[in-house]
Amino acid sequence: MARSKEIRVTINLECTDCTRTNREINRGVSRYTTQKNRRNTPIRLELKKFCCYCGRHTIHKEIKK
């Protein structure tokens, strides 16, 4: 089986609030790494996670590697 045909893939989640305000203030961007099943969730994943830079729970969206 080819490596690119694996069902579970590793994805990166990035904070949506930090990417918008990062241009104004030189802060970091909160990123999480997780896995998803390609068959069950073919669309991009959005989860509410804690952002240490914002100090609250925000929406983290899947980004390309």
N, C-alpha and C. Protein backbone atom coordinates (compact mmCIF):
# COMPACT_ATOMS: atom_id res chain seq x y z
N MET A 1 0.83 -1.17 0.00
CA MET A 1 0.00 0.00 0.00
C MET A 1 0.88 1.25 0.00
N ALA A 2 0.53 2.21 -0.82
CA ALA A 2 1.32 3.43 -0.94
C ALA A 2 1.16 4.29 0.31
N ARG A 3 2.18 5.05 0.61
CA ARG A 3 2.19 5.89 1.81
C ARG A 3 1.12 6.99 1.74
N SER A 4 0.86 7.54 0.57
CA SER A 4 -0.09 8.64 0.45
C SER A 4 -1.54 8.17 0.55
N LYS A 5 -1.79 6.87 0.50
CA LYS A 5 -3.15 6.33 0.55
C LYS A 5 -3.57 5.94 1.96
N GLU A 6 -2.80 6.31 2.98
CA GLU A 6 -3.15 5.96 4.35
C GLU A 6 -4.44 6.66 4.75
N ILE A 7 -5.22 5.98 5.58
CA ILE A 7 -6.52 6.51 5.97
C ILE A 7 -6.37 7.61 7.02
N ARG A 8 -5.53 7.38 8.03
CA ARG A 8 -5.33 8.40 9.08
C ARG A 8 -4.15 9.28 8.70
N VAL A 9 -4.39 10.59 8.69
CA VAL A 9 -3.34 11.55 8.32
C VAL A 9 -3.12 12.52 9.47
N THR A 10 -1.91 13.03 9.59
CA THR A 10 -1.56 14.03 10.59
C THR A 10 -1.84 15.41 10.02
N ILE A 11 -2.53 16.23 10.81
CA ILE A 11 -2.90 17.58 10.37
C ILE A 11 -2.43 18.59 11.40
N ASN A 12 -2.35 19.86 11.00
CA ASN A 12 -2.02 20.96 11.88
C ASN A 12 -3.23 21.87 12.01
N LEU A 13 -3.51 22.30 13.24
CA LEU A 13 -4.59 23.23 13.51
C LEU A 13 -3.98 24.55 13.95
N GLU A 14 -4.48 25.66 13.41
CA GLU A 14 -3.94 26.98 13.71
C GLU A 14 -5.06 27.90 14.20
N CYS A 15 -4.75 28.72 15.20
CA CYS A 15 -5.72 29.65 15.78
C CYS A 15 -6.12 30.71 14.76
N THR A 16 -7.42 30.94 14.63
CA THR A 16 -7.90 31.93 13.66
C THR A 16 -7.74 33.36 14.18
N ASP A 17 -7.88 33.55 15.50
CA ASP A 17 -7.74 34.90 16.07
C ASP A 17 -6.30 35.39 16.03
N CYS A 18 -5.34 34.52 16.29
CA CYS A 18 -3.93 34.91 16.29
C CYS A 18 -3.45 35.28 14.88
N THR A 19 -3.94 34.59 13.86
CA THR A 19 -3.49 34.90 12.50
C THR A 19 -4.00 36.27 12.06
N ARG A 20 -5.18 36.68 12.57
CA ARG A 20 -5.71 38.00 12.21
C ARG A 20 -4.98 39.12 12.94
N THR A 21 -4.67 38.93 14.23
CA THR A 21 -4.06 40.00 15.03
C THR A 21 -2.54 39.92 15.06
N ASN A 22 -1.94 38.91 14.46
CA ASN A 22 -0.49 38.75 14.50
C ASN A 22 0.23 39.85 13.74
N ARG A 23 -0.42 40.45 12.76
CA ARG A 23 0.23 41.51 11.98
C ARG A 23 0.42 42.78 12.82
N GLU A 24 -0.53 43.04 13.74
CA GLU A 24 -0.45 44.25 14.55
C GLU A 24 0.59 44.11 15.67
N ILE A 25 0.56 42.99 16.36
CA ILE A 25 1.44 42.75 17.50
C ILE A 25 2.32 41.55 17.17
N ASN A 26 3.59 41.64 17.47
CA ASN A 26 4.51 40.55 17.16
C ASN A 26 4.40 39.46 18.23
N ARG A 27 3.37 38.61 18.08
CA ARG A 27 3.17 37.48 18.99
C ARG A 27 3.25 36.20 18.19
N GLY A 28 3.22 35.10 18.88
CA GLY A 28 3.23 33.80 18.21
C GLY A 28 1.85 33.40 17.74
N VAL A 29 1.79 32.25 17.09
CA VAL A 29 0.54 31.69 16.61
C VAL A 29 0.38 30.32 17.24
N SER A 30 -0.77 30.09 17.85
CA SER A 30 -1.04 28.81 18.50
C SER A 30 -1.30 27.73 17.46
N ARG A 31 -0.57 26.61 17.55
CA ARG A 31 -0.75 25.50 16.62
C ARG A 31 -0.82 24.19 17.39
N TYR A 32 -1.72 23.33 16.97
CA TYR A 32 -1.87 21.99 17.52
C TYR A 32 -1.68 20.97 16.41
N THR A 33 -1.19 19.80 16.76
CA THR A 33 -1.04 18.69 15.82
C THR A 33 -1.95 17.56 16.27
N THR A 34 -2.70 17.00 15.32
CA THR A 34 -3.61 15.90 15.62
C THR A 34 -3.75 15.02 14.39
N GLN A 35 -4.56 13.99 14.49
CA GLN A 35 -4.80 13.10 13.37
C GLN A 35 -6.29 13.06 13.06
N LYS A 36 -6.61 12.80 11.79
CA LYS A 36 -8.01 12.63 11.42
C LYS A 36 -8.13 11.49 10.43
N ASN A 37 -9.32 10.93 10.36
CA ASN A 37 -9.61 9.87 9.43
C ASN A 37 -10.07 10.49 8.12
N ARG A 38 -9.37 10.19 7.06
CA ARG A 38 -9.66 10.80 5.76
C ARG A 38 -11.03 10.40 5.22
N ARG A 39 -11.47 9.18 5.52
CA ARG A 39 -12.76 8.70 5.02
C ARG A 39 -13.94 9.33 5.76
N ASN A 40 -13.83 9.49 7.07
CA ASN A 40 -14.94 10.02 7.86
C ASN A 40 -15.06 11.54 7.77
N THR A 41 -13.94 12.25 7.67
CA THR A 41 -13.96 13.71 7.62
C THR A 41 -13.13 14.20 6.43
N PRO A 42 -13.69 14.21 5.24
CA PRO A 42 -12.94 14.67 4.07
C PRO A 42 -12.77 16.19 4.02
N ILE A 43 -13.65 16.94 4.74
CA ILE A 43 -13.55 18.39 4.72
C ILE A 43 -12.53 18.85 5.77
N ARG A 44 -12.18 20.14 5.74
CA ARG A 44 -11.22 20.68 6.70
C ARG A 44 -11.82 20.72 8.09
N LEU A 45 -11.01 20.37 9.07
CA LEU A 45 -11.45 20.24 10.45
C LEU A 45 -11.36 21.58 11.17
N GLU A 46 -12.36 21.87 12.03
CA GLU A 46 -12.36 23.05 12.90
C GLU A 46 -12.69 22.59 14.30
N LEU A 47 -11.83 22.91 15.26
CA LEU A 47 -12.04 22.53 16.65
C LEU A 47 -11.84 23.74 17.55
N LYS A 48 -12.53 23.76 18.68
CA LYS A 48 -12.31 24.79 19.69
C LYS A 48 -11.22 24.30 20.63
N LYS A 49 -10.09 25.00 20.66
CA LYS A 49 -8.95 24.63 21.49
C LYS A 49 -8.51 25.87 22.28
N PHE A 50 -7.71 25.65 23.33
CA PHE A 50 -7.20 26.75 24.12
C PHE A 50 -5.98 27.37 23.44
N CYS A 51 -5.99 28.67 23.29
CA CYS A 51 -4.86 29.40 22.70
C CYS A 51 -4.12 30.12 23.83
N CYS A 52 -2.84 29.79 24.01
CA CYS A 52 -2.08 30.39 25.10
C CYS A 52 -1.75 31.86 24.82
N TYR A 53 -1.77 32.28 23.56
CA TYR A 53 -1.48 33.68 23.22
C TYR A 53 -2.71 34.56 23.42
N CYS A 54 -3.89 34.04 23.09
CA CYS A 54 -5.13 34.80 23.30
C CYS A 54 -5.62 34.67 24.74
N GLY A 55 -5.29 33.55 25.39
CA GLY A 55 -5.71 33.33 26.77
C GLY A 55 -7.14 32.84 26.90
N ARG A 56 -7.70 32.28 25.83
CA ARG A 56 -9.08 31.77 25.87
C ARG A 56 -9.25 30.68 24.82
N HIS A 57 -10.41 30.05 24.82
CA HIS A 57 -10.72 29.03 23.83
C HIS A 57 -11.15 29.70 22.54
N THR A 58 -10.50 29.35 21.43
CA THR A 58 -10.82 29.91 20.12
C THR A 58 -10.93 28.79 19.10
N ILE A 59 -11.43 29.13 17.93
CA ILE A 59 -11.55 28.15 16.85
C ILE A 59 -10.18 27.98 16.18
N HIS A 60 -9.77 26.73 16.05
CA HIS A 60 -8.53 26.38 15.36
C HIS A 60 -8.91 25.64 14.08
N LYS A 61 -8.41 26.12 12.93
CA LYS A 61 -8.74 25.51 11.65
C LYS A 61 -7.55 24.74 11.12
N GLU A 62 -7.86 23.74 10.31
CA GLU A 62 -6.83 22.92 9.67
C GLU A 62 -6.09 23.73 8.61
N ILE A 63 -4.76 23.62 8.59
CA ILE A 63 -3.95 24.31 7.58
C ILE A 63 -3.16 23.29 6.79
N LYS A 64 -2.68 23.72 5.63
CA LYS A 64 -1.83 22.84 4.82
C LYS A 64 -0.44 22.78 5.42
N LYS A 65 0.24 21.68 5.21
CA LYS A 65 1.61 21.54 5.69
C LYS A 65 2.58 22.15 4.73
